[in-house]
Amino acid sequence: MPSLIINGMSCEHCRASVAKAVATVPGVESVEVSLEKKRAAWTEKSPVDIEAVRKAVAAVGFDPE
């Protein structure tokens, strides 16, 4: 399962915002975001552009590594 470290998440609202952002990226099937691990992971129904995931996360105010 591909994933990214996401900096700046501190609450359930942050987790939900990141999950929603990642879910909008073409090819993403499902998303799991962990506050404890500071990580967003997703399954793919078709190839996903990791740069598109980074941009989607950054657009909602978080710092993807």
PDB file of N, CA and C in Angstrom:
ATOM      1  N   MET A   1       0.844  -1.170   0.000  1.00  0.00           N
ATOM      2  CA  MET A   1       0.000   0.000   0.000  1.00  0.00           C
ATOM      3  C   MET A   1       0.898   1.245   0.000  1.00  0.00           C
ATOM      4  N   PRO A   2       0.799   2.088  -1.020  1.00  0.00           N
ATOM      5  CA  PRO A   2       1.621   3.301  -1.053  1.00  0.00           C
ATOM      6  C   PRO A   2       1.228   4.245   0.093  1.00  0.00           C
ATOM      7  N   SER A   3       2.197   5.062   0.531  1.00  0.00           N
ATOM      8  CA  SER A   3       1.898   5.983   1.627  1.00  0.00           C
ATOM      9  C   SER A   3       2.854   7.170   1.611  1.00  0.00           C
ATOM     10  N   LEU A   4       2.477   8.183   2.385  1.00  0.00           N
ATOM     11  CA  LEU A   4       3.299   9.379   2.579  1.00  0.00           C
ATOM     12  C   LEU A   4       3.267   9.773   4.047  1.00  0.00           C
ATOM     13  N   ILE A   5       4.365  10.328   4.525  1.00  0.00           N
ATOM     14  CA  ILE A   5       4.381  10.967   5.834  1.00  0.00           C
ATOM     15  C   ILE A   5       3.718  12.331   5.653  1.00  0.00           C
ATOM     16  N   ILE A   6       2.828  12.694   6.582  1.00  0.00           N
ATOM     17  CA  ILE A   6       2.134  13.972   6.525  1.00  0.00           C
ATOM     18  C   ILE A   6       2.429  14.735   7.808  1.00  0.00           C
ATOM     19  N   ASN A   7       3.088  15.866   7.688  1.00  0.00           N
ATOM     20  CA  ASN A   7       3.396  16.696   8.849  1.00  0.00           C
ATOM     21  C   ASN A   7       2.295  17.734   9.051  1.00  0.00           C
ATOM     22  N   GLY A   8       2.033  18.069  10.313  1.00  0.00           N
ATOM     23  CA  GLY A   8       1.089  19.130  10.635  1.00  0.00           C
ATOM     24  C   GLY A   8      -0.268  18.651  11.106  1.00  0.00           C
ATOM     25  N   MET A   9      -0.521  17.358  11.080  1.00  0.00           N
ATOM     26  CA  MET A   9      -1.806  16.855  11.573  1.00  0.00           C
ATOM     27  C   MET A   9      -1.772  16.771  13.097  1.00  0.00           C
ATOM     28  N   SER A  10      -2.845  17.279  13.747  1.00  0.00           N
ATOM     29  CA  SER A  10      -2.861  17.244  15.205  1.00  0.00           C
ATOM     30  C   SER A  10      -4.191  16.795  15.797  1.00  0.00           C
ATOM     31  N   CYS A  11      -5.215  16.617  14.963  1.00  0.00           N
ATOM     32  CA  CYS A  11      -6.525  16.264  15.507  1.00  0.00           C
ATOM     33  C   CYS A  11      -7.323  15.447  14.488  1.00  0.00           C
ATOM     34  N   GLU A  12      -8.501  15.021  14.907  1.00  0.00           N
ATOM     35  CA  GLU A  12      -9.364  14.217  14.040  1.00  0.00           C
ATOM     36  C   GLU A  12      -9.811  15.008  12.806  1.00  0.00           C
ATOM     37  N   HIS A  13     -10.010  16.299  12.959  1.00  0.00           N
ATOM     38  CA  HIS A  13     -10.388  17.135  11.812  1.00  0.00           C
ATOM     39  C   HIS A  13      -9.258  17.145  10.782  1.00  0.00           C
ATOM     40  N   CYS A  14      -8.027  17.245  11.242  1.00  0.00           N
ATOM     41  CA  CYS A  14      -6.864  17.199  10.341  1.00  0.00           C
ATOM     42  C   CYS A  14      -6.841  15.868   9.589  1.00  0.00           C
ATOM     43  N   ARG A  15      -7.038  14.778  10.332  1.00  0.00           N
ATOM     44  CA  ARG A  15      -7.021  13.453   9.721  1.00  0.00           C
ATOM     45  C   ARG A  15      -8.084  13.348   8.643  1.00  0.00           C
ATOM     46  N   ALA A  16      -9.276  13.840   8.937  1.00  0.00           N
ATOM     47  CA  ALA A  16     -10.369  13.778   7.975  1.00  0.00           C
ATOM     48  C   ALA A  16     -10.084  14.642   6.745  1.00  0.00           C
ATOM     49  N   SER A  17      -9.484  15.802   6.943  1.00  0.00           N
ATOM     50  CA  SER A  17      -9.151  16.689   5.821  1.00  0.00           C
ATOM     51  C   SER A  17      -8.142  16.035   4.881  1.00  0.00           C
ATOM     52  N   VAL A  18      -7.135  15.400   5.454  1.00  0.00           N
ATOM     53  CA  VAL A  18      -6.125  14.721   4.637  1.00  0.00           C
ATOM     54  C   VAL A  18      -6.755  13.541   3.902  1.00  0.00           C
ATOM     55  N   ALA A  19      -7.574  12.762   4.583  1.00  0.00           N
ATOM     56  CA  ALA A  19      -8.224  11.610   3.945  1.00  0.00           C
ATOM     57  C   ALA A  19      -9.089  12.066   2.771  1.00  0.00           C
ATOM     58  N   LYS A  20      -9.848  13.119   2.964  1.00  0.00           N
ATOM     59  CA  LYS A  20     -10.711  13.626   1.902  1.00  0.00           C
ATOM     60  C   LYS A  20      -9.882  14.114   0.716  1.00  0.00           C
ATOM     61  N   ALA A  21      -8.779  14.803   0.997  1.00  0.00           N
ATOM     62  CA  ALA A  21      -7.914  15.312  -0.069  1.00  0.00           C
ATOM     63  C   ALA A  21      -7.304  14.171  -0.880  1.00  0.00           C
ATOM     64  N   VAL A  22      -6.779  13.163  -0.204  1.00  0.00           N
ATOM     65  CA  VAL A  22      -6.166  12.027  -0.904  1.00  0.00           C
ATOM     66  C   VAL A  22      -7.219  11.281  -1.727  1.00  0.00           C
ATOM     67  N   ALA A  23      -8.420  11.161  -1.195  1.00  0.00           N
ATOM     68  CA  ALA A  23      -9.489  10.439  -1.889  1.00  0.00           C
ATOM     69  C   ALA A  23      -9.879  11.094  -3.217  1.00  0.00           C
ATOM     70  N   THR A  24      -9.592  12.381  -3.374  1.00  0.00           N
ATOM     71  CA  THR A  24      -9.947  13.080  -4.615  1.00  0.00           C
ATOM     72  C   THR A  24      -8.966  12.819  -5.750  1.00  0.00           C
ATOM     73  N   VAL A  25      -7.821  12.242  -5.449  1.00  0.00           N
ATOM     74  CA  VAL A  25      -6.795  12.008  -6.478  1.00  0.00           C
ATOM     75  C   VAL A  25      -7.239  10.852  -7.387  1.00  0.00           C
ATOM     76  N   PRO A  26      -7.185  11.058  -8.702  1.00  0.00           N
ATOM     77  CA  PRO A  26      -7.586   9.988  -9.625  1.00  0.00           C
ATOM     78  C   PRO A  26      -6.810   8.692  -9.380  1.00  0.00           C
ATOM     79  N   GLY A  27      -7.538   7.591  -9.333  1.00  0.00           N
ATOM     80  CA  GLY A  27      -6.941   6.275  -9.143  1.00  0.00           C
ATOM     81  C   GLY A  27      -6.981   5.770  -7.720  1.00  0.00           C
ATOM     82  N   VAL A  28      -7.218   6.666  -6.744  1.00  0.00           N
ATOM     83  CA  VAL A  28      -7.267   6.248  -5.343  1.00  0.00           C
ATOM     84  C   VAL A  28      -8.591   5.533  -5.079  1.00  0.00           C
ATOM     85  N   GLU A  29      -8.493   4.333  -4.505  1.00  0.00           N
ATOM     86  CA  GLU A  29      -9.687   3.547  -4.195  1.00  0.00           C
ATOM     87  C   GLU A  29     -10.149   3.763  -2.757  1.00  0.00           C
ATOM     88  N   SER A  30      -9.218   3.669  -1.798  1.00  0.00           N
ATOM     89  CA  SER A  30      -9.551   3.900  -0.398  1.00  0.00           C
ATOM     90  C   SER A  30      -8.347   4.519   0.298  1.00  0.00           C
ATOM     91  N   VAL A  31      -8.606   5.183   1.433  1.00  0.00           N
ATOM     92  CA  VAL A  31      -7.565   5.934   2.139  1.00  0.00           C
ATOM     93  C   VAL A  31      -7.622   5.596   3.623  1.00  0.00           C
ATOM     94  N   GLU A  32      -6.444   5.452   4.232  1.00  0.00           N
ATOM     95  CA  GLU A  32      -6.315   5.306   5.678  1.00  0.00           C
ATOM     96  C   GLU A  32      -5.315   6.350   6.144  1.00  0.00           C
ATOM     97  N   VAL A  33      -5.701   7.161   7.128  1.00  0.00           N
ATOM     98  CA  VAL A  33      -4.804   8.185   7.662  1.00  0.00           C
ATOM     99  C   VAL A  33      -4.622   7.940   9.151  1.00  0.00           C
ATOM    100  N   SER A  34      -3.378   7.909   9.597  1.00  0.00           N
ATOM    101  CA  SER A  34      -3.054   7.680  10.998  1.00  0.00           C
ATOM    102  C   SER A  34      -2.419   8.926  11.608  1.00  0.00           C
ATOM    103  N   LEU A  35      -3.076   9.479  12.636  1.00  0.00           N
ATOM    104  CA  LEU A  35      -2.480  10.613  13.358  1.00  0.00           C
ATOM    105  C   LEU A  35      -1.223  10.170  14.103  1.00  0.00           C
ATOM    106  N   GLU A  36      -1.278   8.975  14.705  1.00  0.00           N
ATOM    107  CA  GLU A  36      -0.156   8.481  15.500  1.00  0.00           C
ATOM    108  C   GLU A  36       1.104   8.289  14.661  1.00  0.00           C
ATOM    109  N   LYS A  37       0.927   7.731  13.466  1.00  0.00           N
ATOM    110  CA  LYS A  37       2.074   7.463  12.591  1.00  0.00           C
ATOM    111  C   LYS A  37       2.386   8.625  11.656  1.00  0.00           C
ATOM    112  N   LYS A  38       1.510   9.649  11.656  1.00  0.00           N
ATOM    113  CA  LYS A  38       1.654  10.797  10.746  1.00  0.00           C
ATOM    114  C   LYS A  38       1.758  10.312   9.303  1.00  0.00           C
ATOM    115  N   ARG A  39       0.869   9.388   8.925  1.00  0.00           N
ATOM    116  CA  ARG A  39       0.970   8.749   7.626  1.00  0.00           C
ATOM    117  C   ARG A  39      -0.402   8.621   6.968  1.00  0.00           C
ATOM    118  N   ALA A  40      -0.405   8.872   5.664  1.00  0.00           N
ATOM    119  CA  ALA A  40      -1.589   8.601   4.843  1.00  0.00           C
ATOM    120  C   ALA A  40      -1.225   7.464   3.900  1.00  0.00           C
ATOM    121  N   ALA A  41      -2.088   6.449   3.832  1.00  0.00           N
ATOM    122  CA  ALA A  41      -1.869   5.306   2.942  1.00  0.00           C
ATOM    123  C   ALA A  41      -3.133   5.104   2.121  1.00  0.00           C
ATOM    124  N   TRP A  42      -2.956   4.579   0.915  1.00  0.00           N
ATOM    125  CA  TRP A  42      -4.109   4.382   0.047  1.00  0.00           C
ATOM    126  C   TRP A  42      -3.959   3.140  -0.803  1.00  0.00           C
ATOM    127  N   THR A  43      -5.101   2.617  -1.234  1.00  0.00           N
ATOM    128  CA  THR A  43      -5.114   1.539  -2.213  1.00  0.00           C
ATOM    129  C   THR A  43      -5.482   2.157  -3.551  1.00  0.00           C
ATOM    130  N   GLU A  44      -5.024   1.519  -4.615  1.00  0.00           N
ATOM    131  CA  GLU A  44      -5.208   2.065  -5.958  1.00  0.00           C
ATOM    132  C   GLU A  44      -6.118   1.186  -6.799  1.00  0.00           C
ATOM    133  N   LYS A  45      -7.050   1.830  -7.516  1.00  0.00           N
ATOM    134  CA  LYS A  45      -7.842   1.107  -8.511  1.00  0.00           C
ATOM    135  C   LYS A  45      -7.208   1.262  -9.884  1.00  0.00           C
ATOM    136  N   SER A  46      -6.331   2.270 -10.022  1.00  0.00           N
ATOM    137  CA  SER A  46      -5.495   2.480 -11.207  1.00  0.00           C
ATOM    138  C   SER A  46      -4.269   3.246 -10.726  1.00  0.00           C
ATOM    139  N   PRO A  47      -3.198   3.305 -11.538  1.00  0.00           N
ATOM    140  CA  PRO A  47      -1.972   3.970 -11.085  1.00  0.00           C
ATOM    141  C   PRO A  47      -2.219   5.404 -10.590  1.00  0.00           C
ATOM    142  N   VAL A  48      -1.618   5.725  -9.448  1.00  0.00           N
ATOM    143  CA  VAL A  48      -1.787   7.030  -8.821  1.00  0.00           C
ATOM    144  C   VAL A  48      -0.480   7.812  -8.924  1.00  0.00           C
ATOM    145  N   ASP A  49      -0.591   9.064  -9.341  1.00  0.00           N
ATOM    146  CA  ASP A  49       0.558   9.972  -9.418  1.00  0.00           C
ATOM    147  C   ASP A  49       0.847  10.500  -8.012  1.00  0.00           C
ATOM    148  N   ILE A  50       1.983  10.103  -7.437  1.00  0.00           N
ATOM    149  CA  ILE A  50       2.312  10.506  -6.068  1.00  0.00           C
ATOM    150  C   ILE A  50       2.428  12.015  -5.940  1.00  0.00           C
ATOM    151  N   GLU A  51       2.843  12.686  -7.006  1.00  0.00           N
ATOM    152  CA  GLU A  51       2.919  14.152  -6.961  1.00  0.00           C
ATOM    153  C   GLU A  51       1.523  14.750  -6.845  1.00  0.00           C
ATOM    154  N   ALA A  52       0.534  14.123  -7.448  1.00  0.00           N
ATOM    155  CA  ALA A  52      -0.851  14.592  -7.323  1.00  0.00           C
ATOM    156  C   ALA A  52      -1.328  14.438  -5.884  1.00  0.00           C
ATOM    157  N   VAL A  53      -0.910  13.371  -5.224  1.00  0.00           N
ATOM    158  CA  VAL A  53      -1.268  13.176  -3.812  1.00  0.00           C
ATOM    159  C   VAL A  53      -0.609  14.262  -2.973  1.00  0.00           C
ATOM    160  N   ARG A  54       0.668  14.518  -3.201  1.00  0.00           N
ATOM    161  CA  ARG A  54       1.367  15.570  -2.453  1.00  0.00           C
ATOM    162  C   ARG A  54       0.686  16.923  -2.635  1.00  0.00           C
ATOM    163  N   LYS A  55       0.331  17.251  -3.873  1.00  0.00           N
ATOM    164  CA  LYS A  55      -0.325  18.535  -4.150  1.00  0.00           C
ATOM    165  C   LYS A  55      -1.682  18.625  -3.478  1.00  0.00           C
ATOM    166  N   ALA A  56      -2.447  17.537  -3.479  1.00  0.00           N
ATOM    167  CA  ALA A  56      -3.767  17.537  -2.843  1.00  0.00           C
ATOM    168  C   ALA A  56      -3.644  17.756  -1.335  1.00  0.00           C
ATOM    169  N   VAL A  57      -2.658  17.118  -0.713  1.00  0.00           N
ATOM    170  CA  VAL A  57      -2.445  17.274   0.732  1.00  0.00           C
ATOM    171  C   VAL A  57      -1.966  18.687   1.049  1.00  0.00           C
ATOM    172  N   ALA A  58      -1.048  19.204   0.255  1.00  0.00           N
ATOM    173  CA  ALA A  58      -0.544  20.562   0.472  1.00  0.00           C
ATOM    174  C   ALA A  58      -1.664  21.602   0.294  1.00  0.00           C
ATOM    175  N   ALA A  59      -2.579  21.336  -0.632  1.00  0.00           N
ATOM    176  CA  ALA A  59      -3.672  22.283  -0.899  1.00  0.00           C
ATOM    177  C   ALA A  59      -4.613  22.440   0.287  1.00  0.00           C
ATOM    178  N   VAL A  60      -4.666  21.440   1.173  1.00  0.00           N
ATOM    179  CA  VAL A  60      -5.510  21.561   2.360  1.00  0.00           C
ATOM    180  C   VAL A  60      -4.707  21.954   3.591  1.00  0.00           C
ATOM    181  N   GLY A  61      -3.445  22.371   3.386  1.00  0.00           N
ATOM    182  CA  GLY A  61      -2.667  22.973   4.465  1.00  0.00           C
ATOM    183  C   GLY A  61      -1.715  22.099   5.228  1.00  0.00           C
ATOM    184  N   PHE A  62      -1.387  20.933   4.696  1.00  0.00           N
ATOM    185  CA  PHE A  62      -0.471  20.046   5.402  1.00  0.00           C
ATOM    186  C   PHE A  62       0.794  19.843   4.583  1.00  0.00           C
ATOM    187  N   ASP A  63       1.833  19.318   5.230  1.00  0.00           N
ATOM    188  CA  ASP A  63       3.156  19.194   4.617  1.00  0.00           C
ATOM    189  C   ASP A  63       3.489  17.729   4.344  1.00  0.00           C
ATOM    190  N   PRO A  64       3.299  17.278   3.102  1.00  0.00           N
ATOM    191  CA  PRO A  64       3.645  15.891   2.768  1.00  0.00           C
ATOM    192  C   PRO A  64       5.136  15.741   2.500  1.00  0.00           C
ATOM    193  N   GLU A  65       5.730  14.665   2.998  1.00  0.00           N
ATOM    194  CA  GLU A  65       7.154  14.401   2.715  1.00  0.00           C
ATOM    195  C   GLU A  65       7.279  13.538   1.495  1.00  0.00           C
TER     196      GLU A  65
END
